Amino acid sequence: MLRLKRIWEGDQPKLSHYLDILKKGKVGLCFGHGLGDTVMFLNVFDKLASLYPDIQFDLILQRNLGFEELVDDIVGKNKAVVYTHDLSYNQETSEYDIIADIDFPMSENQTEITKAEKCCRDELGIELISGHKKITCGVNKLVGLHLQITCLPDSANVPYDIAKKIWQEIKDAGYIPLEILMEHVFHNPVNKKYDFIDRHLRDIPPKISTLIGIIEDCNKIICCVSGVFHTALSILSPERICLLEKDFLAPSFTKLSIKRINIKEYQDGSIKDWLQIL
């Protein structure tokens, strides 16, 4: 196994030199960098793999930095991703013909060449590639939660103890709760923020366009009967909406098949179960 380090320094051969000799085999690229550099490198990684179709390339990334969610955008023909706790890669390396450390040298003080192009030129020895690959991610974990209504709060608001359970169940299901109540000009002062809520929209200017953008970005919406509920029905598919019913029931407002939970007789775990099923 050949280990290549700091191949961008001096006049030593670049990675393509060794790949041309190898022709067929397996190569690991150790990439110990942050999100920005990793995203910039994805197009370069694609290009390198396309130039050597008989070589299997593994992109070796640091474990537990969230890159696992990018897997679908990285892997492909003759490409794979390996996660490791040790980027020196002092693991069993007999499976690789070559392991190369990609330093991705800085270009921040240059304007005639991008960082990705500098990597192509100084480390890989291939034609210059730039641009940002379009990426998607894993499951969006943001859940919008709306617990209080401006009018008739006694008939629709979710009581503190039930609201606290729901907030925790969202987290227990592996999701991120966000209270999406916006304090507009007619905000009802009885609708104070519950003390367990640590992510909310109350301190930003109340605009419908902002609310719509937030709803669109949520995986699910859980709410009492409110403007948020009706706005969500106008934006999301019904299976992504849960109505917390109290005195007012869903059939009074919609014929869509949404999730309905009666908070007067709330069964512990109902929200967690719903989120984990979908």
C-alpha atoms as a PDB file:
ATOM      1  CA  MET A   1       0.000   0.000   0.000  1.00  0.00           C
ATOM      2  CA  LEU A   2       1.353   3.417  -1.006  1.00  0.00           C
ATOM      3  CA  ARG A   3       0.621   6.347   1.330  1.00  0.00           C
ATOM      4  CA  LEU A   4       0.828   9.819  -0.250  1.00  0.00           C
ATOM      5  CA  LYS A   5       1.100  12.885   1.982  1.00  0.00           C
ATOM      6  CA  ARG A   6       1.379  16.590   1.190  1.00  0.00           C
ATOM      7  CA  ILE A   7       1.538  15.895  -2.536  1.00  0.00           C
ATOM      8  CA  TRP A   8       0.847  19.546  -3.286  1.00  0.00           C
ATOM      9  CA  GLU A   9       4.255  20.690  -2.030  1.00  0.00           C
ATOM     10  CA  GLY A  10       7.244  21.076  -4.315  1.00  0.00           C
ATOM     11  CA  ASP A  11       7.697  19.296  -7.610  1.00  0.00           C
ATOM     12  CA  GLN A  12       6.778  15.793  -6.488  1.00  0.00           C
ATOM     13  CA  PRO A  13       4.375  13.845  -8.735  1.00  0.00           C
ATOM     14  CA  LYS A  14       0.698  14.513  -8.287  1.00  0.00           C
ATOM     15  CA  LEU A  15      -1.925  11.865  -7.536  1.00  0.00           C
ATOM     16  CA  SER A  16      -2.763  11.328 -11.218  1.00  0.00           C
ATOM     17  CA  HIS A  17       0.827  10.155 -11.798  1.00  0.00           C
ATOM     18  CA  TYR A  18       0.303   7.232  -9.443  1.00  0.00           C
ATOM     19  CA  LEU A  19      -3.199   6.542 -10.740  1.00  0.00           C
ATOM     20  CA  ASP A  20      -1.879   6.315 -14.301  1.00  0.00           C
ATOM     21  CA  ILE A  21       0.566   3.671 -13.116  1.00  0.00           C
ATOM     22  CA  LEU A  22      -2.044   1.817 -11.025  1.00  0.00           C
ATOM     23  CA  LYS A  23      -4.670   1.751 -13.787  1.00  0.00           C
ATOM     24  CA  LYS A  24      -6.917  -0.640 -11.836  1.00  0.00           C
ATOM     25  CA  GLY A  25      -7.393  -1.081  -8.099  1.00  0.00           C
ATOM     26  CA  LYS A  26      -8.690   0.709  -5.011  1.00  0.00           C
ATOM     27  CA  VAL A  27      -7.741   4.171  -3.741  1.00  0.00           C
ATOM     28  CA  GLY A  28      -8.676   5.906  -0.488  1.00  0.00           C
ATOM     29  CA  LEU A  29      -8.775   9.698  -0.288  1.00  0.00           C
ATOM     30  CA  CYS A  30      -8.447  10.964   3.298  1.00  0.00           C
ATOM     31  CA  PHE A  31     -10.354  14.237   3.483  1.00  0.00           C
ATOM     32  CA  GLY A  32     -10.146  15.757   6.959  1.00  0.00           C
ATOM     33  CA  HIS A  33     -11.908  19.041   6.353  1.00  0.00           C
ATOM     34  CA  GLY A  34     -15.112  20.865   7.225  1.00  0.00           C
ATOM     35  CA  LEU A  35     -18.455  21.139   5.463  1.00  0.00           C
ATOM     36  CA  GLY A  36     -17.470  23.926   3.061  1.00  0.00           C
ATOM     37  CA  ASP A  37     -14.357  22.194   1.776  1.00  0.00           C
ATOM     38  CA  THR A  38     -16.161  18.851   1.558  1.00  0.00           C
ATOM     39  CA  VAL A  39     -18.961  20.328  -0.543  1.00  0.00           C
ATOM     40  CA  MET A  40     -16.423  22.073  -2.802  1.00  0.00           C
ATOM     41  CA  PHE A  41     -14.572  18.792  -3.283  1.00  0.00           C
ATOM     42  CA  LEU A  42     -17.600  16.752  -4.433  1.00  0.00           C
ATOM     43  CA  ASN A  43     -17.403  17.870  -8.087  1.00  0.00           C
ATOM     44  CA  VAL A  44     -13.669  17.197  -8.064  1.00  0.00           C
ATOM     45  CA  PHE A  45     -14.274  13.741  -6.600  1.00  0.00           C
ATOM     46  CA  ASP A  46     -16.798  12.988  -9.364  1.00  0.00           C
ATOM     47  CA  LYS A  47     -14.370  14.106 -12.046  1.00  0.00           C
ATOM     48  CA  LEU A  48     -11.473  12.090 -10.636  1.00  0.00           C
ATOM     49  CA  ALA A  49     -13.589   8.920 -10.534  1.00  0.00           C
ATOM     50  CA  SER A  50     -14.770   9.474 -14.113  1.00  0.00           C
ATOM     51  CA  LEU A  51     -11.182   9.729 -15.354  1.00  0.00           C
ATOM     52  CA  TYR A  52     -10.257   6.359 -13.873  1.00  0.00           C
ATOM     53  CA  PRO A  53     -13.275   4.081 -14.336  1.00  0.00           C
ATOM     54  CA  ASP A  54     -11.311   0.949 -13.396  1.00  0.00           C
ATOM     55  CA  ILE A  55     -10.334   2.339  -9.992  1.00  0.00           C
ATOM     56  CA  GLN A  56     -12.613   2.207  -6.936  1.00  0.00           C
ATOM     57  CA  PHE A  57     -12.334   5.501  -5.019  1.00  0.00           C
ATOM     58  CA  ASP A  58     -13.260   5.731  -1.333  1.00  0.00           C
ATOM     59  CA  LEU A  59     -13.710   9.179   0.186  1.00  0.00           C
ATOM     60  CA  ILE A  60     -12.575   8.800   3.811  1.00  0.00           C
ATOM     61  CA  LEU A  61     -14.327  11.304   6.082  1.00  0.00           C
ATOM     62  CA  GLN A  62     -14.357  12.049   9.791  1.00  0.00           C
ATOM     63  CA  ARG A  63     -17.156  10.274  11.607  1.00  0.00           C
ATOM     64  CA  ASN A  64     -19.820  12.155  13.609  1.00  0.00           C
ATOM     65  CA  LEU A  65     -19.560  15.477  11.759  1.00  0.00           C
ATOM     66  CA  GLY A  66     -22.878  15.053   9.965  1.00  0.00           C
ATOM     67  CA  PHE A  67     -21.440  14.111   6.583  1.00  0.00           C
ATOM     68  CA  GLU A  68     -23.337  10.835   6.739  1.00  0.00           C
ATOM     69  CA  GLU A  69     -26.392  12.755   5.533  1.00  0.00           C
ATOM     70  CA  LEU A  70     -24.589  13.605   2.283  1.00  0.00           C
ATOM     71  CA  VAL A  71     -23.951   9.986   1.346  1.00  0.00           C
ATOM     72  CA  ASP A  72     -26.500   9.839  -1.474  1.00  0.00           C
ATOM     73  CA  ASP A  73     -24.819  12.786  -3.153  1.00  0.00           C
ATOM     74  CA  ILE A  74     -21.308  11.364  -2.851  1.00  0.00           C
ATOM     75  CA  VAL A  75     -21.596   7.716  -3.756  1.00  0.00           C
ATOM     76  CA  GLY A  76     -21.984   6.457  -7.255  1.00  0.00           C
ATOM     77  CA  LYS A  77     -20.242   4.295  -9.791  1.00  0.00           C
ATOM     78  CA  ASN A  78     -16.706   3.491  -8.666  1.00  0.00           C
ATOM     79  CA  LYS A  79     -17.152   5.706  -5.584  1.00  0.00           C
ATOM     80  CA  ALA A  80     -17.901   5.065  -1.948  1.00  0.00           C
ATOM     81  CA  VAL A  81     -17.638   6.770   1.430  1.00  0.00           C
ATOM     82  CA  VAL A  82     -15.849   5.439   4.489  1.00  0.00           C
ATOM     83  CA  TYR A  83     -16.249   7.017   7.929  1.00  0.00           C
ATOM     84  CA  THR A  84     -13.497   6.761  10.483  1.00  0.00           C
ATOM     85  CA  HIS A  85     -12.575   8.116  13.899  1.00  0.00           C
ATOM     86  CA  ASP A  86      -8.931   8.214  12.851  1.00  0.00           C
ATOM     87  CA  LEU A  87      -8.113  10.261   9.759  1.00  0.00           C
ATOM     88  CA  SER A  88      -4.509   9.116   9.924  1.00  0.00           C
ATOM     89  CA  TYR A  89      -6.276   5.932   8.860  1.00  0.00           C
ATOM     90  CA  ASN A  90      -4.176   3.630  10.961  1.00  0.00           C
ATOM     91  CA  GLN A  91      -6.744   0.934  10.395  1.00  0.00           C
ATOM     92  CA  GLU A  92      -6.417  -2.154   8.258  1.00  0.00           C
ATOM     93  CA  THR A  93      -5.287  -0.666   4.943  1.00  0.00           C
ATOM     94  CA  SER A  94      -4.358  -3.734   2.932  1.00  0.00           C
ATOM     95  CA  GLU A  95      -7.538  -3.274   0.884  1.00  0.00           C
ATOM     96  CA  TYR A  96      -6.106  -0.088  -0.664  1.00  0.00           C
ATOM     97  CA  ASP A  97      -3.441   0.162  -3.296  1.00  0.00           C
ATOM     98  CA  ILE A  98      -3.028   3.873  -2.549  1.00  0.00           C
ATOM     99  CA  ILE A  99      -4.124   6.128   0.297  1.00  0.00           C
ATOM    100  CA  ALA A 100      -3.738   9.845  -0.423  1.00  0.00           C
ATOM    101  CA  ASP A 101      -4.153  12.668   2.077  1.00  0.00           C
ATOM    102  CA  ILE A 102      -6.017  15.511   0.368  1.00  0.00           C
ATOM    103  CA  ASP A 103      -4.824  18.725   1.986  1.00  0.00           C
ATOM    104  CA  PHE A 104      -7.060  20.966  -0.160  1.00  0.00           C
ATOM    105  CA  PRO A 105      -4.588  23.873   0.115  1.00  0.00           C
ATOM    106  CA  MET A 106      -5.929  27.352   0.712  1.00  0.00           C
ATOM    107  CA  SER A 107      -6.700  29.768  -2.123  1.00  0.00           C
ATOM    108  CA  GLU A 108      -8.439  32.394   0.001  1.00  0.00           C
ATOM    109  CA  ASN A 109      -5.857  35.052  -0.958  1.00  0.00           C
ATOM    110  CA  GLN A 110      -6.241  34.369  -4.686  1.00  0.00           C
ATOM    111  CA  THR A 111      -8.901  35.438  -7.156  1.00  0.00           C
ATOM    112  CA  GLU A 112      -7.667  33.858 -10.377  1.00  0.00           C
ATOM    113  CA  ILE A 113      -8.216  30.292  -9.195  1.00  0.00           C
ATOM    114  CA  THR A 114     -10.779  28.648  -6.927  1.00  0.00           C
ATOM    115  CA  LYS A 115      -9.853  26.326  -4.097  1.00  0.00           C
ATOM    116  CA  ALA A 116     -11.216  23.322  -5.985  1.00  0.00           C
ATOM    117  CA  GLU A 117      -9.169  24.243  -9.061  1.00  0.00           C
ATOM    118  CA  LYS A 118      -6.065  24.652  -6.921  1.00  0.00           C
ATOM    119  CA  CYS A 119      -6.611  21.134  -5.568  1.00  0.00           C
ATOM    120  CA  CYS A 120      -6.926  19.794  -9.124  1.00  0.00           C
ATOM    121  CA  ARG A 121      -3.740  21.528 -10.202  1.00  0.00           C
ATOM    122  CA  ASP A 122      -1.515  21.150  -7.142  1.00  0.00           C
ATOM    123  CA  GLU A 123      -2.634  17.821  -5.655  1.00  0.00           C
ATOM    124  CA  LEU A 124      -4.470  15.721  -8.190  1.00  0.00           C
ATOM    125  CA  GLY A 125      -2.843  16.754 -11.466  1.00  0.00           C
ATOM    126  CA  ILE A 126      -6.075  16.757 -13.449  1.00  0.00           C
ATOM    127  CA  GLU A 127      -7.933  19.369 -15.466  1.00  0.00           C
ATOM    128  CA  LEU A 128      -9.279  22.222 -13.383  1.00  0.00           C
ATOM    129  CA  ILE A 129     -12.811  21.634 -12.065  1.00  0.00           C
ATOM    130  CA  SER A 130     -14.824  24.113 -10.024  1.00  0.00           C
ATOM    131  CA  GLY A 131     -18.434  24.761  -9.073  1.00  0.00           C
ATOM    132  CA  HIS A 132     -20.638  23.414  -6.328  1.00  0.00           C
ATOM    133  CA  LYS A 133     -22.405  20.110  -6.838  1.00  0.00           C
ATOM    134  CA  LYS A 134     -26.119  20.222  -6.165  1.00  0.00           C
ATOM    135  CA  ILE A 135     -26.693  18.329  -2.946  1.00  0.00           C
ATOM    136  CA  THR A 136     -29.650  17.071  -1.002  1.00  0.00           C
ATOM    137  CA  CYS A 137     -29.624  15.594   2.463  1.00  0.00           C
ATOM    138  CA  GLY A 138     -31.178  12.975   4.665  1.00  0.00           C
ATOM    139  CA  VAL A 139     -34.535  13.275   6.375  1.00  0.00           C
ATOM    140  CA  ASN A 140     -35.391  16.822   7.405  1.00  0.00           C
ATOM    141  CA  LYS A 141     -35.881  16.676  11.170  1.00  0.00           C
ATOM    142  CA  LEU A 142     -37.576  20.047  11.732  1.00  0.00           C
ATOM    143  CA  VAL A 143     -41.107  19.885  13.156  1.00  0.00           C
ATOM    144  CA  GLY A 144     -43.189  23.040  13.408  1.00  0.00           C
ATOM    145  CA  LEU A 145     -45.335  23.236  16.546  1.00  0.00           C
ATOM    146  CA  HIS A 146     -48.173  25.735  17.085  1.00  0.00           C
ATOM    147  CA  LEU A 147     -49.868  25.513  20.459  1.00  0.00           C
ATOM    148  CA  GLN A 148     -51.942  28.663  20.924  1.00  0.00           C
ATOM    149  CA  ILE A 149     -54.666  30.497  19.020  1.00  0.00           C
ATOM    150  CA  THR A 150     -55.384  34.232  19.013  1.00  0.00           C
ATOM    151  CA  CYS A 151     -59.166  33.909  19.337  1.00  0.00           C
ATOM    152  CA  LEU A 152     -60.916  31.584  21.775  1.00  0.00           C
ATOM    153  CA  PRO A 153     -57.723  30.271  23.419  1.00  0.00           C
ATOM    154  CA  ASP A 154     -59.703  28.316  26.010  1.00  0.00           C
ATOM    155  CA  SER A 155     -61.255  26.239  23.245  1.00  0.00           C
ATOM    156  CA  ALA A 156     -58.089  25.473  21.277  1.00  0.00           C
ATOM    157  CA  ASN A 157     -54.888  26.147  23.226  1.00  0.00           C
ATOM    158  CA  VAL A 158     -52.787  23.166  24.242  1.00  0.00           C
ATOM    159  CA  PRO A 159     -52.317  23.201  28.038  1.00  0.00           C
ATOM    160  CA  TYR A 160     -48.827  23.554  29.461  1.00  0.00           C
ATOM    161  CA  ASP A 161     -48.443  19.974  30.681  1.00  0.00           C
ATOM    162  CA  ILE A 162     -49.595  18.412  27.406  1.00  0.00           C
ATOM    163  CA  ALA A 163     -47.537  20.870  25.366  1.00  0.00           C
ATOM    164  CA  LYS A 164     -44.431  19.979  27.372  1.00  0.00           C
ATOM    165  CA  LYS A 165     -45.004  16.275  26.743  1.00  0.00           C
ATOM    166  CA  ILE A 166     -45.428  16.889  23.017  1.00  0.00           C
ATOM    167  CA  TRP A 167     -42.271  19.015  22.855  1.00  0.00           C
ATOM    168  CA  GLN A 168     -40.284  16.249  24.538  1.00  0.00           C
ATOM    169  CA  GLU A 169     -41.827  13.508  22.424  1.00  0.00           C
ATOM    170  CA  ILE A 170     -40.758  15.328  19.262  1.00  0.00           C
ATOM    171  CA  LYS A 171     -37.192  15.287  20.548  1.00  0.00           C
ATOM    172  CA  ASP A 172     -37.473  11.693  21.728  1.00  0.00           C
ATOM    173  CA  ALA A 173     -38.517  10.713  18.195  1.00  0.00           C
ATOM    174  CA  GLY A 174     -35.281  12.212  16.888  1.00  0.00           C
ATOM    175  CA  TYR A 175     -36.802  15.427  15.535  1.00  0.00           C
ATOM    176  CA  ILE A 176     -36.222  19.119  16.267  1.00  0.00           C
ATOM    177  CA  PRO A 177     -39.237  21.049  17.597  1.00  0.00           C
ATOM    178  CA  LEU A 178     -39.732  24.685  16.598  1.00  0.00           C
ATOM    179  CA  GLU A 179     -42.578  26.802  17.935  1.00  0.00           C
ATOM    180  CA  ILE A 180     -43.913  28.716  14.931  1.00  0.00           C
ATOM    181  CA  LEU A 181     -46.223  31.193  16.650  1.00  0.00           C
ATOM    182  CA  MET A 182     -45.540  34.756  15.425  1.00  0.00           C
ATOM    183  CA  GLU A 183     -46.522  37.672  17.659  1.00  0.00           C
ATOM    184  CA  HIS A 184     -48.479  39.895  15.264  1.00  0.00           C
ATOM    185  CA  VAL A 185     -50.330  43.127  15.972  1.00  0.00           C
ATOM    186  CA  PHE A 186     -53.356  41.228  17.318  1.00  0.00           C
ATOM    187  CA  HIS A 187     -51.292  38.851  19.434  1.00  0.00           C
ATOM    188  CA  ASN A 188     -53.264  37.698  22.457  1.00  0.00           C
ATOM    189  CA  PRO A 189     -51.246  38.518  25.604  1.00  0.00           C
ATOM    190  CA  VAL A 190     -52.533  35.383  27.331  1.00  0.00           C
ATOM    191  CA  ASN A 191     -50.473  33.346  24.873  1.00  0.00           C
ATOM    192  CA  LYS A 192     -47.183  33.590  26.689  1.00  0.00           C
ATOM    193  CA  LYS A 193     -44.318  31.372  25.619  1.00  0.00           C
ATOM    194  CA  TYR A 194     -44.030  28.215  27.676  1.00  0.00           C
ATOM    195  CA  ASP A 195     -40.746  28.114  29.573  1.00  0.00           C
ATOM    196  CA  PHE A 196     -39.562  24.827  28.043  1.00  0.00           C
ATOM    197  CA  ILE A 197     -39.627  26.250  24.507  1.00  0.00           C
ATOM    198  CA  ASP A 198     -36.116  27.207  23.424  1.00  0.00           C
ATOM    199  CA  ARG A 199     -36.647  27.525  19.649  1.00  0.00           C
ATOM    200  CA  HIS A 200     -39.345  29.855  18.359  1.00  0.00           C
ATOM    201  CA  LEU A 201     -40.321  32.654  15.946  1.00  0.00           C
ATOM    202  CA  ARG A 202     -41.728  35.102  18.475  1.00  0.00           C
ATOM    203  CA  ASP A 203     -38.842  37.548  18.175  1.00  0.00           C
ATOM    204  CA  ILE A 204     -38.900  37.992  14.399  1.00  0.00           C
ATOM    205  CA  PRO A 205     -41.175  40.308  12.347  1.00  0.00           C
ATOM    206  CA  PRO A 206     -44.500  38.557  11.719  1.00  0.00           C
ATOM    207  CA  LYS A 207     -44.855  38.142   7.955  1.00  0.00           C
ATOM    208  CA  ILE A 208     -46.968  35.613   6.110  1.00  0.00           C
ATOM    209  CA  SER A 209     -44.185  35.070   3.589  1.00  0.00           C
ATOM    210  CA  THR A 210     -41.810  34.131   6.408  1.00  0.00           C
ATOM    211  CA  LEU A 211     -44.374  31.791   7.943  1.00  0.00           C
ATOM    212  CA  ILE A 212     -44.950  30.068   4.602  1.00  0.00           C
ATOM    213  CA  GLY A 213     -41.204  29.622   4.124  1.00  0.00           C
ATOM    214  CA  ILE A 214     -40.875  28.074   7.589  1.00  0.00           C
ATOM    215  CA  ILE A 215     -43.792  25.700   7.022  1.00  0.00           C
ATOM    216  CA  GLU A 216     -42.319  24.621   3.684  1.00  0.00           C
ATOM    217  CA  ASP A 217     -39.043  23.845   5.465  1.00  0.00           C
ATOM    218  CA  CYS A 218     -40.671  21.659   8.125  1.00  0.00           C
ATOM    219  CA  ASN A 219     -40.932  17.912   7.817  1.00  0.00           C
ATOM    220  CA  LYS A 220     -44.179  17.907   9.792  1.00  0.00           C
ATOM    221  CA  ILE A 221     -46.535  20.471  11.322  1.00  0.00           C
ATOM    222  CA  ILE A 222     -48.296  19.824  14.634  1.00  0.00           C
ATOM    223  CA  CYS A 223     -50.787  22.497  15.626  1.00  0.00           C
ATOM    224  CA  CYS A 224     -54.033  23.505  17.187  1.00  0.00           C
ATOM    225  CA  VAL A 225     -56.774  25.086  15.048  1.00  0.00           C
ATOM    226  CA  SER A 226     -55.182  28.352  13.932  1.00  0.00           C
ATOM    227  CA  GLY A 227     -54.004  30.364  10.975  1.00  0.00           C
ATOM    228  CA  VAL A 228     -50.906  28.171  10.962  1.00  0.00           C
ATOM    229  CA  PHE A 229     -53.088  25.073  10.610  1.00  0.00           C
ATOM    230  CA  HIS A 230     -54.955  26.421   7.601  1.00  0.00           C
ATOM    231  CA  THR A 231     -51.766  27.752   6.018  1.00  0.00           C
ATOM    232  CA  ALA A 232     -50.142  24.331   6.438  1.00  0.00           C
ATOM    233  CA  LEU A 233     -53.148  22.699   4.741  1.00  0.00           C
ATOM    234  CA  SER A 234     -52.561  25.030   1.791  1.00  0.00           C
ATOM    235  CA  ILE A 235     -48.884  24.052   1.520  1.00  0.00           C
ATOM    236  CA  LEU A 236     -48.157  20.550   2.775  1.00  0.00           C
ATOM    237  CA  SER A 237     -49.565  17.143   1.928  1.00  0.00           C
ATOM    238  CA  PRO A 238     -52.125  16.062   4.555  1.00  0.00           C
ATOM    239  CA  GLU A 239     -50.031  13.181   5.916  1.00  0.00           C
ATOM    240  CA  ARG A 240     -47.512  15.759   7.154  1.00  0.00           C
ATOM    241  CA  ILE A 241     -50.053  17.608   9.328  1.00  0.00           C
ATOM    242  CA  CYS A 242     -51.308  16.737  12.800  1.00  0.00           C
ATOM    243  CA  LEU A 243     -54.200  18.655  14.351  1.00  0.00           C
ATOM    244  CA  LEU A 244     -54.308  18.851  18.138  1.00  0.00           C
ATOM    245  CA  GLU A 245     -58.056  18.843  18.713  1.00  0.00           C
ATOM    246  CA  LYS A 246     -59.746  20.286  21.769  1.00  0.00           C
ATOM    247  CA  ASP A 247     -63.241  21.784  21.416  1.00  0.00           C
ATOM    248  CA  PHE A 248     -62.911  22.235  17.644  1.00  0.00           C
ATOM    249  CA  LEU A 249     -62.607  19.136  15.452  1.00  0.00           C
ATOM    250  CA  ALA A 250     -61.001  18.670  12.055  1.00  0.00           C
ATOM    251  CA  PRO A 251     -64.207  17.915  10.065  1.00  0.00           C
ATOM    252  CA  SER A 252     -65.375  21.475  10.763  1.00  0.00           C
ATOM    253  CA  PHE A 253     -62.501  22.751   8.638  1.00  0.00           C
ATOM    254  CA  THR A 254     -61.233  20.121   6.217  1.00  0.00           C
ATOM    255  CA  LYS A 255     -62.167  16.814   4.592  1.00  0.00           C
ATOM    256  CA  LEU A 256     -58.504  15.883   4.122  1.00  0.00           C
ATOM    257  CA  SER A 257     -57.182  12.816   5.914  1.00  0.00           C
ATOM    258  CA  ILE A 258     -54.855  14.448   8.413  1.00  0.00           C
ATOM    259  CA  LYS A 259     -53.610  13.063  11.707  1.00  0.00           C
ATOM    260  CA  ARG A 260     -55.927  13.970  14.598  1.00  0.00           C
ATOM    261  CA  ILE A 261     -55.066  13.805  18.299  1.00  0.00           C
ATOM    262  CA  ASN A 262     -57.504  14.708  21.058  1.00  0.00           C
ATOM    263  CA  ILE A 263     -55.561  16.627  23.713  1.00  0.00           C
ATOM    264  CA  LYS A 264     -58.433  16.311  26.212  1.00  0.00           C
ATOM    265  CA  GLU A 265     -57.600  12.628  26.430  1.00  0.00           C
ATOM    266  CA  TYR A 266     -53.979  12.724  25.375  1.00  0.00           C
ATOM    267  CA  GLN A 267     -52.270   9.343  25.335  1.00  0.00           C
ATOM    268  CA  ASP A 268     -48.605   9.586  26.257  1.00  0.00           C
ATOM    269  CA  GLY A 269     -46.386   8.778  23.283  1.00  0.00           C
ATOM    270  CA  SER A 270     -48.984   9.648  20.629  1.00  0.00           C
ATOM    271  CA  ILE A 271     -46.837  12.255  18.907  1.00  0.00           C
ATOM    272  CA  LYS A 272     -43.679  10.157  19.158  1.00  0.00           C
ATOM    273  CA  ASP A 273     -45.464   7.172  17.647  1.00  0.00           C
ATOM    274  CA  TRP A 274     -46.822   9.259  14.772  1.00  0.00           C
ATOM    275  CA  LEU A 275     -43.443  10.750  13.924  1.00  0.00           C
ATOM    276  CA  GLN A 276     -41.690   7.400  13.998  1.00  0.00           C
ATOM    277  CA  ILE A 277     -44.259   5.692  11.809  1.00  0.00           C
ATOM    278  CA  LEU A 278     -44.033   8.250   9.010  1.00  0.00           C
END
